[in-house]
Amino acid sequence: MLRALLAVIVCLALTGCWMSEHRIFGEGDWAHVNLTGKYKREAANGDDEASVVLTTQPNGLIVGVGIDLKEDQTQHTAMGLVPIQGGSGKYFLAVDRSDPKDTGDVYFIAHLTDDNELDMFMPDCEGTAPVQGMTVEKSNLTEIVSRAFTTKAAVMAAALQAEKFLSASHVIGIVPFGRLVPDDGSDDGGK
């Protein structure tokens, strides 16, 4: 019981959001990671949520078309992976570009494993140390604290903090909010 409670506390500590009002990153920033292929999108509990086909475009943007297994709906996504400056090369700043009408961005942290799985993590907004080029915004309605970035340097500094935290040893494992696992057609996701 105590272990389950601690796991919930750790997961809650990782919720939040990083954003920018204006698009800070563009085509020249994408990592050009070839993730083209069929994947299963897994929830944090390991359940399959969707079947996803990813296509890495020539500009490096990754476009996904997925079928939600629970609601039988098609979902379209687009994201750019930006290498974290000073990082290991296995963690990326994931920039959501799913809505072409958006003028700003939402950021996540992505970890590309040796098995070509892509783990997605929510940044720890309240735990993000202040850096120049970042403001703290608090919603009066929800009490959610977010970080708004105005410069690449600020986002990269925060992303490097997140990579160092995520790659460090922890008593309780940090669980991604979602995972893309290559789908070879077998029931176990190719593992």
C-alpha atoms as a PDB file:
ATOM      1  CA  MET A   1       0.000   0.000   0.000  1.00  0.00           C
ATOM      2  CA  LEU A   2       2.783   2.459   0.890  1.00  0.00           C
ATOM      3  CA  ARG A   3       4.626   1.683  -2.348  1.00  0.00           C
ATOM      4  CA  ALA A   4       1.474   2.376  -4.408  1.00  0.00           C
ATOM      5  CA  LEU A   5       0.911   5.657  -2.573  1.00  0.00           C
ATOM      6  CA  LEU A   6       4.514   6.754  -3.201  1.00  0.00           C
ATOM      7  CA  ALA A   7       4.153   5.921  -6.902  1.00  0.00           C
ATOM      8  CA  VAL A   8       1.045   8.113  -7.130  1.00  0.00           C
ATOM      9  CA  ILE A   9       2.848  10.991  -5.382  1.00  0.00           C
ATOM     10  CA  VAL A  10       5.791  10.760  -7.791  1.00  0.00           C
ATOM     11  CA  CYS A  11       3.445  10.742 -10.802  1.00  0.00           C
ATOM     12  CA  LEU A  12       1.564  13.774  -9.493  1.00  0.00           C
ATOM     13  CA  ALA A  13       4.841  15.614  -8.982  1.00  0.00           C
ATOM     14  CA  LEU A  14       5.622  15.224 -12.682  1.00  0.00           C
ATOM     15  CA  THR A  15       2.414  16.809 -13.970  1.00  0.00           C
ATOM     16  CA  GLY A  16       2.285  20.308 -15.333  1.00  0.00           C
ATOM     17  CA  CYS A  17       3.117  22.064 -18.562  1.00  0.00           C
ATOM     18  CA  TRP A  18       5.797  23.966 -20.381  1.00  0.00           C
ATOM     19  CA  MET A  19       4.701  26.257 -23.188  1.00  0.00           C
ATOM     20  CA  SER A  20       5.548  29.276 -25.286  1.00  0.00           C
ATOM     21  CA  GLU A  21       3.238  31.899 -26.745  1.00  0.00           C
ATOM     22  CA  HIS A  22       5.254  31.972 -29.968  1.00  0.00           C
ATOM     23  CA  ARG A  23       6.891  29.144 -31.853  1.00  0.00           C
ATOM     24  CA  ILE A  24      10.518  29.076 -30.746  1.00  0.00           C
ATOM     25  CA  PHE A  25      11.622  26.018 -32.730  1.00  0.00           C
ATOM     26  CA  GLY A  26      11.385  25.296 -36.447  1.00  0.00           C
ATOM     27  CA  GLU A  27      12.537  22.988 -39.228  1.00  0.00           C
ATOM     28  CA  GLY A  28      16.249  23.577 -38.627  1.00  0.00           C
ATOM     29  CA  ASP A  29      15.895  22.440 -35.006  1.00  0.00           C
ATOM     30  CA  TRP A  30      14.374  18.965 -35.472  1.00  0.00           C
ATOM     31  CA  ALA A  31      16.599  15.985 -34.667  1.00  0.00           C
ATOM     32  CA  HIS A  32      15.732  13.973 -37.837  1.00  0.00           C
ATOM     33  CA  VAL A  33      15.184  10.778 -35.829  1.00  0.00           C
ATOM     34  CA  ASN A  34      13.821   8.082 -38.127  1.00  0.00           C
ATOM     35  CA  LEU A  35      10.781   6.709 -36.331  1.00  0.00           C
ATOM     36  CA  THR A  36       8.882   5.780 -39.488  1.00  0.00           C
ATOM     37  CA  GLY A  37       6.843   2.635 -38.896  1.00  0.00           C
ATOM     38  CA  LYS A  38       3.970   1.084 -36.992  1.00  0.00           C
ATOM     39  CA  TYR A  39       3.791   1.499 -33.194  1.00  0.00           C
ATOM     40  CA  LYS A  40       1.556   0.697 -30.280  1.00  0.00           C
ATOM     41  CA  ARG A  41       0.824   3.604 -27.948  1.00  0.00           C
ATOM     42  CA  GLU A  42       0.812   2.356 -24.365  1.00  0.00           C
ATOM     43  CA  ALA A  43      -0.605   4.101 -21.322  1.00  0.00           C
ATOM     44  CA  ALA A  44       1.401   4.446 -18.120  1.00  0.00           C
ATOM     45  CA  ASN A  45      -0.156   1.189 -16.874  1.00  0.00           C
ATOM     46  CA  GLY A  46       1.096  -0.688 -19.968  1.00  0.00           C
ATOM     47  CA  ASP A  47      -2.315  -1.062 -21.650  1.00  0.00           C
ATOM     48  CA  ASP A  48      -2.398  -0.547 -25.410  1.00  0.00           C
ATOM     49  CA  GLU A  49      -4.304   2.658 -26.170  1.00  0.00           C
ATOM     50  CA  ALA A  50      -3.793   3.015 -29.902  1.00  0.00           C
ATOM     51  CA  SER A  51      -2.212   1.669 -33.023  1.00  0.00           C
ATOM     52  CA  VAL A  52      -0.061   4.429 -34.538  1.00  0.00           C
ATOM     53  CA  VAL A  53       1.705   4.811 -37.868  1.00  0.00           C
ATOM     54  CA  LEU A  54       4.549   7.338 -37.697  1.00  0.00           C
ATOM     55  CA  THR A  55       6.174   9.000 -40.673  1.00  0.00           C
ATOM     56  CA  THR A  56       9.332  11.045 -40.306  1.00  0.00           C
ATOM     57  CA  GLN A  57       9.104  13.835 -42.854  1.00  0.00           C
ATOM     58  CA  PRO A  58      12.176  15.123 -44.742  1.00  0.00           C
ATOM     59  CA  ASN A  59      12.197  18.263 -42.551  1.00  0.00           C
ATOM     60  CA  GLY A  60      12.434  16.076 -39.406  1.00  0.00           C
ATOM     61  CA  LEU A  61       8.866  16.590 -38.165  1.00  0.00           C
ATOM     62  CA  ILE A  62       7.209  13.315 -37.118  1.00  0.00           C
ATOM     63  CA  VAL A  63       3.597  12.869 -38.188  1.00  0.00           C
ATOM     64  CA  GLY A  64       1.399  10.218 -36.600  1.00  0.00           C
ATOM     65  CA  VAL A  65      -1.966   8.745 -37.516  1.00  0.00           C
ATOM     66  CA  GLY A  66      -3.454   6.590 -34.798  1.00  0.00           C
ATOM     67  CA  ILE A  67      -6.557   4.557 -34.144  1.00  0.00           C
ATOM     68  CA  ASP A  68      -7.689   4.867 -30.526  1.00  0.00           C
ATOM     69  CA  LEU A  69      -8.457   1.288 -29.449  1.00  0.00           C
ATOM     70  CA  LYS A  70     -11.003   2.274 -26.786  1.00  0.00           C
ATOM     71  CA  GLU A  71     -12.999   4.847 -28.735  1.00  0.00           C
ATOM     72  CA  ASP A  72     -12.239   3.666 -32.300  1.00  0.00           C
ATOM     73  CA  GLN A  73     -11.340   7.214 -33.349  1.00  0.00           C
ATOM     74  CA  THR A  74      -8.597   8.366 -35.686  1.00  0.00           C
ATOM     75  CA  GLN A  75      -6.090  10.801 -34.176  1.00  0.00           C
ATOM     76  CA  HIS A  76      -3.591  12.951 -36.055  1.00  0.00           C
ATOM     77  CA  THR A  77      -0.459  14.247 -34.353  1.00  0.00           C
ATOM     78  CA  ALA A  78       2.732  16.010 -35.329  1.00  0.00           C
ATOM     79  CA  MET A  79       5.781  16.617 -33.201  1.00  0.00           C
ATOM     80  CA  GLY A  80       9.327  17.746 -33.546  1.00  0.00           C
ATOM     81  CA  LEU A  81      12.106  16.261 -31.443  1.00  0.00           C
ATOM     82  CA  VAL A  82      14.810  18.757 -30.510  1.00  0.00           C
ATOM     83  CA  PRO A  83      18.122  17.388 -29.177  1.00  0.00           C
ATOM     84  CA  ILE A  84      18.752  18.668 -25.661  1.00  0.00           C
ATOM     85  CA  GLN A  85      21.906  20.786 -25.727  1.00  0.00           C
ATOM     86  CA  GLY A  86      24.488  19.304 -23.359  1.00  0.00           C
ATOM     87  CA  GLY A  87      22.444  16.117 -22.990  1.00  0.00           C
ATOM     88  CA  SER A  88      23.124  12.458 -23.702  1.00  0.00           C
ATOM     89  CA  GLY A  89      21.499  12.343 -27.144  1.00  0.00           C
ATOM     90  CA  LYS A  90      18.813   9.935 -25.866  1.00  0.00           C
ATOM     91  CA  TYR A  91      16.497  12.612 -24.466  1.00  0.00           C
ATOM     92  CA  PHE A  92      14.706  15.201 -26.557  1.00  0.00           C
ATOM     93  CA  LEU A  93      12.467  18.179 -26.114  1.00  0.00           C
ATOM     94  CA  ALA A  94       9.233  17.067 -27.800  1.00  0.00           C
ATOM     95  CA  VAL A  95       7.412  19.979 -29.431  1.00  0.00           C
ATOM     96  CA  ASP A  96       3.719  19.400 -30.153  1.00  0.00           C
ATOM     97  CA  ARG A  97       2.849  20.649 -33.643  1.00  0.00           C
ATOM     98  CA  SER A  98      -0.460  18.795 -33.990  1.00  0.00           C
ATOM     99  CA  ASP A  99      -2.553  21.927 -34.553  1.00  0.00           C
ATOM    100  CA  PRO A 100      -1.180  24.043 -37.405  1.00  0.00           C
ATOM    101  CA  LYS A 101      -3.364  26.969 -36.241  1.00  0.00           C
ATOM    102  CA  ASP A 102      -1.500  27.236 -32.917  1.00  0.00           C
ATOM    103  CA  THR A 103       0.972  30.095 -32.772  1.00  0.00           C
ATOM    104  CA  GLY A 104       2.684  28.773 -29.646  1.00  0.00           C
ATOM    105  CA  ASP A 105       4.028  25.429 -28.531  1.00  0.00           C
ATOM    106  CA  VAL A 106       3.588  22.862 -25.772  1.00  0.00           C
ATOM    107  CA  TYR A 107       6.696  20.942 -24.670  1.00  0.00           C
ATOM    108  CA  PHE A 108       7.288  17.473 -23.240  1.00  0.00           C
ATOM    109  CA  ILE A 109      10.395  15.395 -22.608  1.00  0.00           C
ATOM    110  CA  ALA A 110      10.928  12.329 -24.800  1.00  0.00           C
ATOM    111  CA  HIS A 111      13.373   9.484 -24.156  1.00  0.00           C
ATOM    112  CA  LEU A 112      14.411   7.263 -27.060  1.00  0.00           C
ATOM    113  CA  THR A 113      15.434   3.866 -25.687  1.00  0.00           C
ATOM    114  CA  ASP A 114      17.919   1.438 -27.214  1.00  0.00           C
ATOM    115  CA  ASP A 115      14.883  -0.636 -28.345  1.00  0.00           C
ATOM    116  CA  ASN A 116      13.566   2.360 -30.356  1.00  0.00           C
ATOM    117  CA  GLU A 117      10.737   2.916 -27.872  1.00  0.00           C
ATOM    118  CA  LEU A 118       9.780   6.519 -27.252  1.00  0.00           C
ATOM    119  CA  ASP A 119       8.817   7.337 -23.656  1.00  0.00           C
ATOM    120  CA  MET A 120       6.985  10.630 -23.104  1.00  0.00           C
ATOM    121  CA  PHE A 121       7.233  12.541 -19.823  1.00  0.00           C
ATOM    122  CA  MET A 122       5.385  15.565 -18.516  1.00  0.00           C
ATOM    123  CA  PRO A 123       7.780  18.222 -17.226  1.00  0.00           C
ATOM    124  CA  ASP A 124       7.749  19.008 -13.517  1.00  0.00           C
ATOM    125  CA  CYS A 125       6.508  22.597 -13.779  1.00  0.00           C
ATOM    126  CA  GLU A 126       6.646  23.480 -10.119  1.00  0.00           C
ATOM    127  CA  GLY A 127      10.060  21.858  -9.749  1.00  0.00           C
ATOM    128  CA  THR A 128      11.601  23.613 -12.750  1.00  0.00           C
ATOM    129  CA  ALA A 129      14.283  26.003 -11.519  1.00  0.00           C
ATOM    130  CA  PRO A 130      13.879  29.564 -12.776  1.00  0.00           C
ATOM    131  CA  VAL A 131      16.022  30.603 -15.736  1.00  0.00           C
ATOM    132  CA  GLN A 132      16.234  33.835 -17.694  1.00  0.00           C
ATOM    133  CA  GLY A 133      13.696  33.726 -20.524  1.00  0.00           C
ATOM    134  CA  MET A 134      11.051  31.834 -18.528  1.00  0.00           C
ATOM    135  CA  THR A 135       8.043  33.157 -16.645  1.00  0.00           C
ATOM    136  CA  VAL A 136       5.815  31.464 -14.093  1.00  0.00           C
ATOM    137  CA  GLU A 137       2.088  31.558 -14.766  1.00  0.00           C
ATOM    138  CA  LYS A 138      -0.575  30.430 -12.319  1.00  0.00           C
ATOM    139  CA  SER A 139      -4.190  29.817 -13.264  1.00  0.00           C
ATOM    140  CA  ASN A 140      -6.628  31.197 -10.702  1.00  0.00           C
ATOM    141  CA  LEU A 141      -9.225  28.630 -11.724  1.00  0.00           C
ATOM    142  CA  THR A 142      -7.172  25.446 -11.435  1.00  0.00           C
ATOM    143  CA  GLU A 143      -4.153  26.434  -9.311  1.00  0.00           C
ATOM    144  CA  ILE A 144      -1.947  24.892 -12.009  1.00  0.00           C
ATOM    145  CA  VAL A 145       1.476  26.454 -12.319  1.00  0.00           C
ATOM    146  CA  SER A 146       3.025  26.526 -15.778  1.00  0.00           C
ATOM    147  CA  ARG A 147       6.275  27.775 -17.245  1.00  0.00           C
ATOM    148  CA  ALA A 148       6.143  30.031 -20.285  1.00  0.00           C
ATOM    149  CA  PHE A 149       9.360  30.281 -22.294  1.00  0.00           C
ATOM    150  CA  THR A 150      10.451  33.151 -24.513  1.00  0.00           C
ATOM    151  CA  THR A 151      13.879  31.913 -25.667  1.00  0.00           C
ATOM    152  CA  LYS A 152      15.488  28.705 -26.937  1.00  0.00           C
ATOM    153  CA  ALA A 153      18.175  29.027 -24.276  1.00  0.00           C
ATOM    154  CA  ALA A 154      15.576  28.995 -21.493  1.00  0.00           C
ATOM    155  CA  VAL A 155      13.779  25.923 -22.860  1.00  0.00           C
ATOM    156  CA  MET A 156      17.097  24.103 -23.363  1.00  0.00           C
ATOM    157  CA  ALA A 157      18.232  24.897 -19.808  1.00  0.00           C
ATOM    158  CA  ALA A 158      14.966  23.535 -18.387  1.00  0.00           C
ATOM    159  CA  ALA A 159      15.106  20.480 -20.677  1.00  0.00           C
ATOM    160  CA  LEU A 160      18.648  19.683 -19.523  1.00  0.00           C
ATOM    161  CA  GLN A 161      17.462  19.914 -15.897  1.00  0.00           C
ATOM    162  CA  ALA A 162      14.664  17.462 -16.748  1.00  0.00           C
ATOM    163  CA  GLU A 163      17.021  15.039 -18.525  1.00  0.00           C
ATOM    164  CA  LYS A 164      19.399  15.004 -15.568  1.00  0.00           C
ATOM    165  CA  PHE A 165      16.491  14.298 -13.234  1.00  0.00           C
ATOM    166  CA  LEU A 166      14.940  11.582 -15.408  1.00  0.00           C
ATOM    167  CA  SER A 167      18.232   9.804 -16.098  1.00  0.00           C
ATOM    168  CA  ALA A 168      19.294   9.742 -12.432  1.00  0.00           C
ATOM    169  CA  SER A 169      18.666   6.722 -10.208  1.00  0.00           C
ATOM    170  CA  HIS A 170      15.471   6.923  -8.167  1.00  0.00           C
ATOM    171  CA  VAL A 171      14.117   4.753  -5.369  1.00  0.00           C
ATOM    172  CA  ILE A 172      10.809   4.701  -7.213  1.00  0.00           C
ATOM    173  CA  GLY A 173      10.919   4.567 -11.000  1.00  0.00           C
ATOM    174  CA  ILE A 174       9.648   7.569 -12.919  1.00  0.00           C
ATOM    175  CA  VAL A 175       6.809   6.405 -15.173  1.00  0.00           C
ATOM    176  CA  PRO A 176       6.176   8.033 -18.558  1.00  0.00           C
ATOM    177  CA  PHE A 177       2.639   9.231 -19.262  1.00  0.00           C
ATOM    178  CA  GLY A 178       2.808   7.385 -22.563  1.00  0.00           C
ATOM    179  CA  ARG A 179       5.055   5.159 -24.616  1.00  0.00           C
ATOM    180  CA  LEU A 180       5.343   4.340 -28.303  1.00  0.00           C
ATOM    181  CA  VAL A 181       6.533   0.768 -28.828  1.00  0.00           C
ATOM    182  CA  PRO A 182       7.482  -0.602 -32.279  1.00  0.00           C
ATOM    183  CA  ASP A 183       4.748  -2.997 -33.403  1.00  0.00           C
ATOM    184  CA  ASP A 184       6.034  -6.080 -35.179  1.00  0.00           C
ATOM    185  CA  GLY A 185       2.567  -7.615 -35.235  1.00  0.00           C
ATOM    186  CA  SER A 186       3.054  -9.911 -32.225  1.00  0.00           C
ATOM    187  CA  ASP A 187       0.897  -9.683 -29.117  1.00  0.00           C
ATOM    188  CA  ASP A 188       3.766  -8.551 -26.879  1.00  0.00           C
ATOM    189  CA  GLY A 189       4.655  -5.416 -28.859  1.00  0.00           C
ATOM    190  CA  GLY A 190       7.816  -6.967 -30.232  1.00  0.00           C
ATOM    191  CA  LYS A 191       9.460  -7.470 -26.857  1.00  0.00           C
END
